[in-house]
Amino acid sequence: MADSRLNEADQQGRRTWRFWAALVLVPVALVILLSLGTWQVNRLHWKESLLADIQERSNAAPLDVAALERLMAEGEAIDYRHATVAGRYLHDKERHFLATFGGQSGFYVYTPLQLEDGRYLLVNRGFVPYDRKDPASRGEGQIEGLQTVTGLAREELTEKPSSLVPDNDEAANIFYWKDLSRMAASVDLPADRVLPFFLDADSTPVAGGLPKGGVTQIDLPNNHMQYVITWYGLAVALVAVAVAGLFRRKTR
């Protein structure tokens, strides 16, 4: 009898301890879950605003180089801004960025465009299949003379995107990340004469069909709504479990 009473008292003590532990931990967990949900709501609004801004930039009237430089001087982003520029391609200095497009492996062809003021802009002319890397295999597309190129401005990367990305192989002319300064230096373009951004050419076809322009992918992931639902859903579930526990304790 005495052992039974001691066992019952011990169980009651454990239940009491669990109750007070839950009374402390449940509100803390609830605050964390609600904070994460609210943070994702804010991120959702930020991402939607960013996507709308990019859509507006890419569909606006094209800007010239002077306008892009002015925006950069004012601290404004120029990424994905619709732009146009005139100059002559230096085809003997084209650089190749390893890429896939339309399910096919190959390269984006980055060619210096010499502007009328003597400066250079690296233009992503578009995609060529892996076996068409050699410019001699697509001679028709090596257009000469003054060209007007329209597309989307792209800001340069300041560092390698990830440690998993291989180092660029300049000797083989294969770039695994878009290092503007090294692309320019590897073909002896003077650093002080190279514009600090790229231009992705639009899909205007060229003779022979290569390079194929219009390769810019505006595909920023926006999964924040599902995270909002997850965190707030877990908060609701936690409250439901806590209420059920309190109800069982009261019934007992």
C-alpha atoms as a PDB file:
ATOM      1  CA  MET A   1       0.000   0.000   0.000  1.00  0.00           C
ATOM      2  CA  ALA A   2       2.755   2.389   0.994  1.00  0.00           C
ATOM      3  CA  ASP A   3       4.698   1.547  -2.182  1.00  0.00           C
ATOM      4  CA  SER A   4       1.591   2.237  -4.253  1.00  0.00           C
ATOM      5  CA  ARG A   5       1.122   5.628  -2.640  1.00  0.00           C
ATOM      6  CA  LEU A   6       4.806   6.462  -3.192  1.00  0.00           C
ATOM      7  CA  ASN A   7       4.557   5.417  -6.844  1.00  0.00           C
ATOM      8  CA  GLU A   8       1.434   7.524  -7.312  1.00  0.00           C
ATOM      9  CA  ALA A   9       3.119  10.513  -5.668  1.00  0.00           C
ATOM     10  CA  ASP A  10       6.141  10.051  -7.912  1.00  0.00           C
ATOM     11  CA  GLN A  11       3.950  10.010 -11.032  1.00  0.00           C
ATOM     12  CA  GLN A  12       2.099  13.076  -9.827  1.00  0.00           C
ATOM     13  CA  GLY A  13       5.420  14.820  -9.293  1.00  0.00           C
ATOM     14  CA  ARG A  14       6.549  13.998 -12.834  1.00  0.00           C
ATOM     15  CA  ARG A  15       3.252  15.241 -14.244  1.00  0.00           C
ATOM     16  CA  THR A  16       3.587  18.474 -12.300  1.00  0.00           C
ATOM     17  CA  TRP A  17       7.171  18.915 -13.520  1.00  0.00           C
ATOM     18  CA  ARG A  18       6.116  18.326 -17.135  1.00  0.00           C
ATOM     19  CA  PHE A  19       3.253  20.794 -16.721  1.00  0.00           C
ATOM     20  CA  TRP A  20       5.516  23.606 -15.518  1.00  0.00           C
ATOM     21  CA  ALA A  21       8.154  22.774 -18.126  1.00  0.00           C
ATOM     22  CA  ALA A  22       5.500  22.957 -20.842  1.00  0.00           C
ATOM     23  CA  LEU A  23       4.170  26.194 -19.339  1.00  0.00           C
ATOM     24  CA  VAL A  24       7.611  27.730 -19.901  1.00  0.00           C
ATOM     25  CA  LEU A  25       8.659  26.046 -23.156  1.00  0.00           C
ATOM     26  CA  VAL A  26       5.405  26.266 -25.135  1.00  0.00           C
ATOM     27  CA  PRO A  27       5.250  30.106 -25.116  1.00  0.00           C
ATOM     28  CA  VAL A  28       8.944  30.278 -26.020  1.00  0.00           C
ATOM     29  CA  ALA A  29       8.463  27.856 -28.923  1.00  0.00           C
ATOM     30  CA  LEU A  30       5.326  29.733 -30.006  1.00  0.00           C
ATOM     31  CA  VAL A  31       7.185  33.051 -30.076  1.00  0.00           C
ATOM     32  CA  ILE A  32       9.968  31.473 -32.164  1.00  0.00           C
ATOM     33  CA  LEU A  33       7.514  29.944 -34.655  1.00  0.00           C
ATOM     34  CA  LEU A  34       5.523  33.170 -35.006  1.00  0.00           C
ATOM     35  CA  SER A  35       8.744  35.162 -35.425  1.00  0.00           C
ATOM     36  CA  LEU A  36       9.916  32.849 -38.204  1.00  0.00           C
ATOM     37  CA  GLY A  37       6.531  33.084 -39.904  1.00  0.00           C
ATOM     38  CA  THR A  38       6.530  36.885 -39.698  1.00  0.00           C
ATOM     39  CA  TRP A  39      10.084  37.020 -41.020  1.00  0.00           C
ATOM     40  CA  GLN A  40       9.026  34.951 -44.020  1.00  0.00           C
ATOM     41  CA  VAL A  41       6.070  37.289 -44.611  1.00  0.00           C
ATOM     42  CA  ASN A  42       8.521  40.197 -44.761  1.00  0.00           C
ATOM     43  CA  ARG A  43      10.790  38.220 -47.079  1.00  0.00           C
ATOM     44  CA  LEU A  44       7.798  37.423 -49.295  1.00  0.00           C
ATOM     45  CA  HIS A  45       6.946  41.115 -49.650  1.00  0.00           C
ATOM     46  CA  TRP A  46      10.606  41.930 -50.361  1.00  0.00           C
ATOM     47  CA  LYS A  47      10.899  39.216 -53.022  1.00  0.00           C
ATOM     48  CA  GLU A  48       7.636  40.222 -54.720  1.00  0.00           C
ATOM     49  CA  SER A  49       8.818  43.843 -54.787  1.00  0.00           C
ATOM     50  CA  LEU A  50      12.186  42.785 -56.229  1.00  0.00           C
ATOM     51  CA  LEU A  51      10.555  40.679 -58.948  1.00  0.00           C
ATOM     52  CA  ALA A  52       8.210  43.532 -59.854  1.00  0.00           C
ATOM     53  CA  ASP A  53      11.171  45.925 -60.002  1.00  0.00           C
ATOM     54  CA  ILE A  54      13.138  43.559 -62.265  1.00  0.00           C
ATOM     55  CA  GLN A  55      10.109  43.155 -64.515  1.00  0.00           C
ATOM     56  CA  GLU A  56       9.794  46.925 -64.786  1.00  0.00           C
ATOM     57  CA  ARG A  57      13.522  47.419 -65.490  1.00  0.00           C
ATOM     58  CA  SER A  58      13.674  44.727 -68.160  1.00  0.00           C
ATOM     59  CA  ASN A  59      10.612  46.071 -70.009  1.00  0.00           C
ATOM     60  CA  ALA A  60      11.421  49.784 -69.793  1.00  0.00           C
ATOM     61  CA  ALA A  61      12.804  51.812 -72.688  1.00  0.00           C
ATOM     62  CA  PRO A  62      16.467  50.873 -73.237  1.00  0.00           C
ATOM     63  CA  LEU A  63      19.116  53.024 -71.551  1.00  0.00           C
ATOM     64  CA  ASP A  64      22.452  53.982 -73.070  1.00  0.00           C
ATOM     65  CA  VAL A  65      25.836  53.500 -71.429  1.00  0.00           C
ATOM     66  CA  ALA A  66      25.898  57.033 -70.017  1.00  0.00           C
ATOM     67  CA  ALA A  67      22.553  56.479 -68.269  1.00  0.00           C
ATOM     68  CA  LEU A  68      23.739  53.165 -66.798  1.00  0.00           C
ATOM     69  CA  GLU A  69      26.931  54.782 -65.518  1.00  0.00           C
ATOM     70  CA  ARG A  70      24.917  57.593 -63.975  1.00  0.00           C
ATOM     71  CA  LEU A  71      22.700  55.116 -62.147  1.00  0.00           C
ATOM     72  CA  MET A  72      25.752  53.245 -60.850  1.00  0.00           C
ATOM     73  CA  ALA A  73      27.288  56.508 -59.624  1.00  0.00           C
ATOM     74  CA  GLU A  74      24.058  57.199 -57.729  1.00  0.00           C
ATOM     75  CA  GLY A  75      24.204  53.767 -56.100  1.00  0.00           C
ATOM     76  CA  GLU A  76      21.276  52.378 -58.090  1.00  0.00           C
ATOM     77  CA  ALA A  77      21.148  48.750 -59.243  1.00  0.00           C
ATOM     78  CA  ILE A  78      21.535  48.238 -62.988  1.00  0.00           C
ATOM     79  CA  ASP A  79      21.001  44.477 -63.022  1.00  0.00           C
ATOM     80  CA  TYR A  80      18.402  43.454 -65.638  1.00  0.00           C
ATOM     81  CA  ARG A  81      17.968  47.016 -66.930  1.00  0.00           C
ATOM     82  CA  HIS A  82      17.040  47.203 -70.587  1.00  0.00           C
ATOM     83  CA  ALA A  83      19.996  48.793 -72.386  1.00  0.00           C
ATOM     84  CA  THR A  84      21.396  49.493 -75.827  1.00  0.00           C
ATOM     85  CA  VAL A  85      24.931  50.177 -77.031  1.00  0.00           C
ATOM     86  CA  ALA A  86      26.811  50.595 -80.300  1.00  0.00           C
ATOM     87  CA  GLY A  87      30.287  49.384 -81.180  1.00  0.00           C
ATOM     88  CA  ARG A  88      32.418  46.858 -83.019  1.00  0.00           C
ATOM     89  CA  TYR A  89      32.934  43.281 -81.870  1.00  0.00           C
ATOM     90  CA  LEU A  90      36.471  42.018 -81.275  1.00  0.00           C
ATOM     91  CA  HIS A  91      35.776  38.411 -82.209  1.00  0.00           C
ATOM     92  CA  ASP A  92      39.373  37.288 -81.753  1.00  0.00           C
ATOM     93  CA  LYS A  93      39.004  38.040 -78.032  1.00  0.00           C
ATOM     94  CA  GLU A  94      35.770  36.201 -77.275  1.00  0.00           C
ATOM     95  CA  ARG A  95      35.574  34.337 -73.952  1.00  0.00           C
ATOM     96  CA  HIS A  96      33.525  31.202 -73.245  1.00  0.00           C
ATOM     97  CA  PHE A  97      31.398  30.612 -70.152  1.00  0.00           C
ATOM     98  CA  LEU A  98      30.335  26.993 -69.577  1.00  0.00           C
ATOM     99  CA  ALA A  99      26.539  26.836 -69.578  1.00  0.00           C
ATOM    100  CA  THR A 100      23.432  24.890 -70.500  1.00  0.00           C
ATOM    101  CA  PHE A 101      20.535  26.286 -72.476  1.00  0.00           C
ATOM    102  CA  GLY A 102      17.386  24.564 -73.617  1.00  0.00           C
ATOM    103  CA  GLY A 103      18.642  21.289 -72.168  1.00  0.00           C
ATOM    104  CA  GLN A 104      21.840  21.426 -74.228  1.00  0.00           C
ATOM    105  CA  SER A 105      25.383  21.843 -72.912  1.00  0.00           C
ATOM    106  CA  GLY A 106      27.684  24.432 -74.390  1.00  0.00           C
ATOM    107  CA  PHE A 107      28.921  27.944 -73.809  1.00  0.00           C
ATOM    108  CA  TYR A 108      27.790  31.539 -73.561  1.00  0.00           C
ATOM    109  CA  VAL A 109      30.002  33.612 -75.837  1.00  0.00           C
ATOM    110  CA  TYR A 110      31.300  36.798 -74.209  1.00  0.00           C
ATOM    111  CA  THR A 111      32.769  39.134 -76.819  1.00  0.00           C
ATOM    112  CA  PRO A 112      34.329  42.555 -76.166  1.00  0.00           C
ATOM    113  CA  LEU A 113      32.457  45.330 -77.941  1.00  0.00           C
ATOM    114  CA  GLN A 114      34.664  48.336 -78.624  1.00  0.00           C
ATOM    115  CA  LEU A 115      32.630  51.499 -78.218  1.00  0.00           C
ATOM    116  CA  GLU A 116      33.104  54.647 -80.249  1.00  0.00           C
ATOM    117  CA  ASP A 117      34.860  56.330 -77.283  1.00  0.00           C
ATOM    118  CA  GLY A 118      37.470  53.539 -77.222  1.00  0.00           C
ATOM    119  CA  ARG A 119      36.166  51.746 -74.151  1.00  0.00           C
ATOM    120  CA  TYR A 120      35.087  48.111 -74.045  1.00  0.00           C
ATOM    121  CA  LEU A 121      31.942  46.313 -72.934  1.00  0.00           C
ATOM    122  CA  LEU A 122      31.820  42.532 -72.566  1.00  0.00           C
ATOM    123  CA  VAL A 123      28.669  41.353 -74.330  1.00  0.00           C
ATOM    124  CA  ASN A 124      27.117  37.940 -73.732  1.00  0.00           C
ATOM    125  CA  ARG A 125      26.135  37.317 -77.339  1.00  0.00           C
ATOM    126  CA  GLY A 126      24.349  34.095 -76.448  1.00  0.00           C
ATOM    127  CA  PHE A 127      24.616  30.318 -76.495  1.00  0.00           C
ATOM    128  CA  VAL A 128      26.579  27.978 -78.749  1.00  0.00           C
ATOM    129  CA  PRO A 129      26.565  24.152 -78.439  1.00  0.00           C
ATOM    130  CA  TYR A 130      29.642  22.471 -77.006  1.00  0.00           C
ATOM    131  CA  ASP A 131      30.893  21.362 -80.413  1.00  0.00           C
ATOM    132  CA  ARG A 132      30.563  24.899 -81.813  1.00  0.00           C
ATOM    133  CA  LYS A 133      32.941  26.525 -79.324  1.00  0.00           C
ATOM    134  CA  ASP A 134      35.491  27.168 -82.081  1.00  0.00           C
ATOM    135  CA  PRO A 135      34.544  30.460 -83.791  1.00  0.00           C
ATOM    136  CA  ALA A 136      35.629  28.978 -87.130  1.00  0.00           C
ATOM    137  CA  SER A 137      32.666  26.587 -86.945  1.00  0.00           C
ATOM    138  CA  ARG A 138      30.212  29.503 -86.921  1.00  0.00           C
ATOM    139  CA  GLY A 139      31.896  32.079 -89.118  1.00  0.00           C
ATOM    140  CA  GLU A 140      28.599  33.564 -90.372  1.00  0.00           C
ATOM    141  CA  GLY A 141      27.788  34.792 -86.886  1.00  0.00           C
ATOM    142  CA  GLN A 142      31.062  36.698 -86.501  1.00  0.00           C
ATOM    143  CA  ILE A 143      29.461  39.904 -87.717  1.00  0.00           C
ATOM    144  CA  GLU A 144      31.718  42.836 -88.584  1.00  0.00           C
ATOM    145  CA  GLY A 145      31.328  46.596 -88.631  1.00  0.00           C
ATOM    146  CA  LEU A 146      29.394  48.917 -86.360  1.00  0.00           C
ATOM    147  CA  GLN A 147      26.676  47.040 -84.460  1.00  0.00           C
ATOM    148  CA  THR A 148      23.835  48.203 -82.242  1.00  0.00           C
ATOM    149  CA  VAL A 149      23.241  45.690 -79.476  1.00  0.00           C
ATOM    150  CA  THR A 150      20.209  45.702 -77.213  1.00  0.00           C
ATOM    151  CA  GLY A 151      19.728  43.522 -74.165  1.00  0.00           C
ATOM    152  CA  LEU A 152      19.887  43.464 -70.380  1.00  0.00           C
ATOM    153  CA  ALA A 153      22.681  44.941 -68.290  1.00  0.00           C
ATOM    154  CA  ARG A 154      24.177  42.537 -65.769  1.00  0.00           C
ATOM    155  CA  GLU A 155      26.279  43.566 -62.800  1.00  0.00           C
ATOM    156  CA  GLU A 156      29.689  41.970 -62.373  1.00  0.00           C
ATOM    157  CA  LEU A 157      30.342  39.421 -59.628  1.00  0.00           C
ATOM    158  CA  THR A 158      32.797  40.487 -56.945  1.00  0.00           C
ATOM    159  CA  GLU A 159      33.723  36.924 -55.977  1.00  0.00           C
ATOM    160  CA  LYS A 160      33.215  33.284 -56.919  1.00  0.00           C
ATOM    161  CA  PRO A 161      29.589  32.311 -56.163  1.00  0.00           C
ATOM    162  CA  SER A 162      30.548  29.172 -54.240  1.00  0.00           C
ATOM    163  CA  SER A 163      33.594  27.159 -53.204  1.00  0.00           C
ATOM    164  CA  LEU A 164      32.061  24.293 -55.202  1.00  0.00           C
ATOM    165  CA  VAL A 165      32.467  26.241 -58.453  1.00  0.00           C
ATOM    166  CA  PRO A 166      35.740  25.301 -60.207  1.00  0.00           C
ATOM    167  CA  ASP A 167      38.393  27.911 -60.862  1.00  0.00           C
ATOM    168  CA  ASN A 168      38.277  29.454 -64.307  1.00  0.00           C
ATOM    169  CA  ASP A 169      40.557  27.808 -66.869  1.00  0.00           C
ATOM    170  CA  GLU A 170      41.856  30.824 -68.754  1.00  0.00           C
ATOM    171  CA  ALA A 171      44.370  28.792 -70.764  1.00  0.00           C
ATOM    172  CA  ALA A 172      41.558  26.663 -72.230  1.00  0.00           C
ATOM    173  CA  ASN A 173      39.239  29.675 -72.440  1.00  0.00           C
ATOM    174  CA  ILE A 174      36.612  28.044 -70.223  1.00  0.00           C
ATOM    175  CA  PHE A 175      35.077  30.195 -67.494  1.00  0.00           C
ATOM    176  CA  TYR A 176      33.009  28.580 -64.760  1.00  0.00           C
ATOM    177  CA  TRP A 177      31.985  31.885 -63.205  1.00  0.00           C
ATOM    178  CA  LYS A 178      31.701  35.328 -64.739  1.00  0.00           C
ATOM    179  CA  ASP A 179      34.841  37.066 -63.494  1.00  0.00           C
ATOM    180  CA  LEU A 180      34.687  40.243 -65.573  1.00  0.00           C
ATOM    181  CA  SER A 181      38.143  41.523 -64.665  1.00  0.00           C
ATOM    182  CA  ARG A 182      39.838  38.219 -65.559  1.00  0.00           C
ATOM    183  CA  MET A 183      37.820  37.800 -68.750  1.00  0.00           C
ATOM    184  CA  ALA A 184      39.084  41.221 -69.837  1.00  0.00           C
ATOM    185  CA  ALA A 185      42.654  40.764 -68.621  1.00  0.00           C
ATOM    186  CA  SER A 186      42.986  37.362 -70.291  1.00  0.00           C
ATOM    187  CA  VAL A 187      42.641  39.070 -73.703  1.00  0.00           C
ATOM    188  CA  ASP A 188      44.789  42.077 -72.746  1.00  0.00           C
ATOM    189  CA  LEU A 189      42.038  44.661 -72.485  1.00  0.00           C
ATOM    190  CA  PRO A 190      43.207  47.643 -70.386  1.00  0.00           C
ATOM    191  CA  ALA A 191      41.406  47.470 -67.023  1.00  0.00           C
ATOM    192  CA  ASP A 192      40.701  51.210 -66.925  1.00  0.00           C
ATOM    193  CA  ARG A 193      38.943  51.065 -70.306  1.00  0.00           C
ATOM    194  CA  VAL A 194      36.565  48.176 -69.529  1.00  0.00           C
ATOM    195  CA  LEU A 195      33.052  49.018 -68.356  1.00  0.00           C
ATOM    196  CA  PRO A 196      32.243  47.407 -64.968  1.00  0.00           C
ATOM    197  CA  PHE A 197      29.190  45.451 -66.139  1.00  0.00           C
ATOM    198  CA  PHE A 198      28.080  43.021 -68.822  1.00  0.00           C
ATOM    199  CA  LEU A 199      25.351  43.204 -71.440  1.00  0.00           C
ATOM    200  CA  ASP A 200      23.283  40.104 -72.247  1.00  0.00           C
ATOM    201  CA  ALA A 201      22.233  40.480 -75.891  1.00  0.00           C
ATOM    202  CA  ASP A 202      18.572  39.951 -76.710  1.00  0.00           C
ATOM    203  CA  SER A 203      17.204  37.282 -79.047  1.00  0.00           C
ATOM    204  CA  THR A 204      17.711  39.253 -82.263  1.00  0.00           C
ATOM    205  CA  PRO A 205      18.951  36.518 -84.639  1.00  0.00           C
ATOM    206  CA  VAL A 206      22.377  36.674 -86.256  1.00  0.00           C
ATOM    207  CA  ALA A 207      23.525  35.155 -89.543  1.00  0.00           C
ATOM    208  CA  GLY A 208      23.903  31.413 -89.207  1.00  0.00           C
ATOM    209  CA  GLY A 209      21.836  31.408 -86.002  1.00  0.00           C
ATOM    210  CA  LEU A 210      24.810  31.319 -83.615  1.00  0.00           C
ATOM    211  CA  PRO A 211      25.360  32.572 -81.013  1.00  0.00           C
ATOM    212  CA  LYS A 212      21.715  32.331 -79.979  1.00  0.00           C
ATOM    213  CA  GLY A 213      20.853  35.432 -77.937  1.00  0.00           C
ATOM    214  CA  GLY A 214      18.161  36.058 -75.352  1.00  0.00           C
ATOM    215  CA  VAL A 215      19.620  33.623 -72.830  1.00  0.00           C
ATOM    216  CA  THR A 216      19.103  35.729 -69.703  1.00  0.00           C
ATOM    217  CA  GLN A 217      17.161  33.742 -67.132  1.00  0.00           C
ATOM    218  CA  ILE A 218      15.159  35.861 -64.707  1.00  0.00           C
ATOM    219  CA  ASP A 219      14.225  33.023 -62.425  1.00  0.00           C
ATOM    220  CA  LEU A 220      14.555  34.044 -58.789  1.00  0.00           C
ATOM    221  CA  PRO A 221      13.043  31.402 -56.477  1.00  0.00           C
ATOM    222  CA  ASN A 222      10.100  32.621 -54.410  1.00  0.00           C
ATOM    223  CA  ASN A 223       9.187  29.903 -51.916  1.00  0.00           C
ATOM    224  CA  HIS A 224       8.475  32.221 -49.010  1.00  0.00           C
ATOM    225  CA  MET A 225       4.719  31.629 -48.992  1.00  0.00           C
ATOM    226  CA  GLN A 226       5.158  27.915 -48.315  1.00  0.00           C
ATOM    227  CA  TYR A 227       7.534  28.792 -45.470  1.00  0.00           C
ATOM    228  CA  VAL A 228       4.933  31.211 -44.074  1.00  0.00           C
ATOM    229  CA  ILE A 229       2.347  28.428 -44.120  1.00  0.00           C
ATOM    230  CA  THR A 230       4.799  25.982 -42.535  1.00  0.00           C
ATOM    231  CA  TRP A 231       5.844  28.174 -39.592  1.00  0.00           C
ATOM    232  CA  TYR A 232       2.365  29.541 -38.851  1.00  0.00           C
ATOM    233  CA  GLY A 233       0.914  26.038 -39.302  1.00  0.00           C
ATOM    234  CA  LEU A 234       3.364  24.660 -36.734  1.00  0.00           C
ATOM    235  CA  ALA A 235       2.396  27.483 -34.373  1.00  0.00           C
ATOM    236  CA  VAL A 236      -1.295  26.592 -34.711  1.00  0.00           C
ATOM    237  CA  ALA A 237      -0.507  22.910 -34.173  1.00  0.00           C
ATOM    238  CA  LEU A 238       1.514  23.732 -31.050  1.00  0.00           C
ATOM    239  CA  VAL A 239      -1.355  25.751 -29.606  1.00  0.00           C
ATOM    240  CA  ALA A 240      -3.781  22.902 -30.370  1.00  0.00           C
ATOM    241  CA  VAL A 241      -1.535  20.360 -28.637  1.00  0.00           C
ATOM    242  CA  ALA A 242      -1.085  22.644 -25.621  1.00  0.00           C
ATOM    243  CA  VAL A 243      -4.836  23.256 -25.299  1.00  0.00           C
ATOM    244  CA  ALA A 244      -5.530  19.518 -25.590  1.00  0.00           C
ATOM    245  CA  GLY A 245      -2.960  18.860 -22.876  1.00  0.00           C
ATOM    246  CA  LEU A 246      -4.524  21.406 -20.554  1.00  0.00           C
ATOM    247  CA  PHE A 247      -7.966  19.925 -21.185  1.00  0.00           C
ATOM    248  CA  ARG A 248      -6.741  16.423 -20.324  1.00  0.00           C
ATOM    249  CA  ARG A 249      -5.084  17.730 -17.145  1.00  0.00           C
ATOM    250  CA  LYS A 250      -8.274  19.503 -16.098  1.00  0.00           C
ATOM    251  CA  THR A 251     -10.338  16.346 -16.813  1.00  0.00           C
ATOM    252  CA  ARG A 252      -7.898  14.234 -14.821  1.00  0.00           C
END
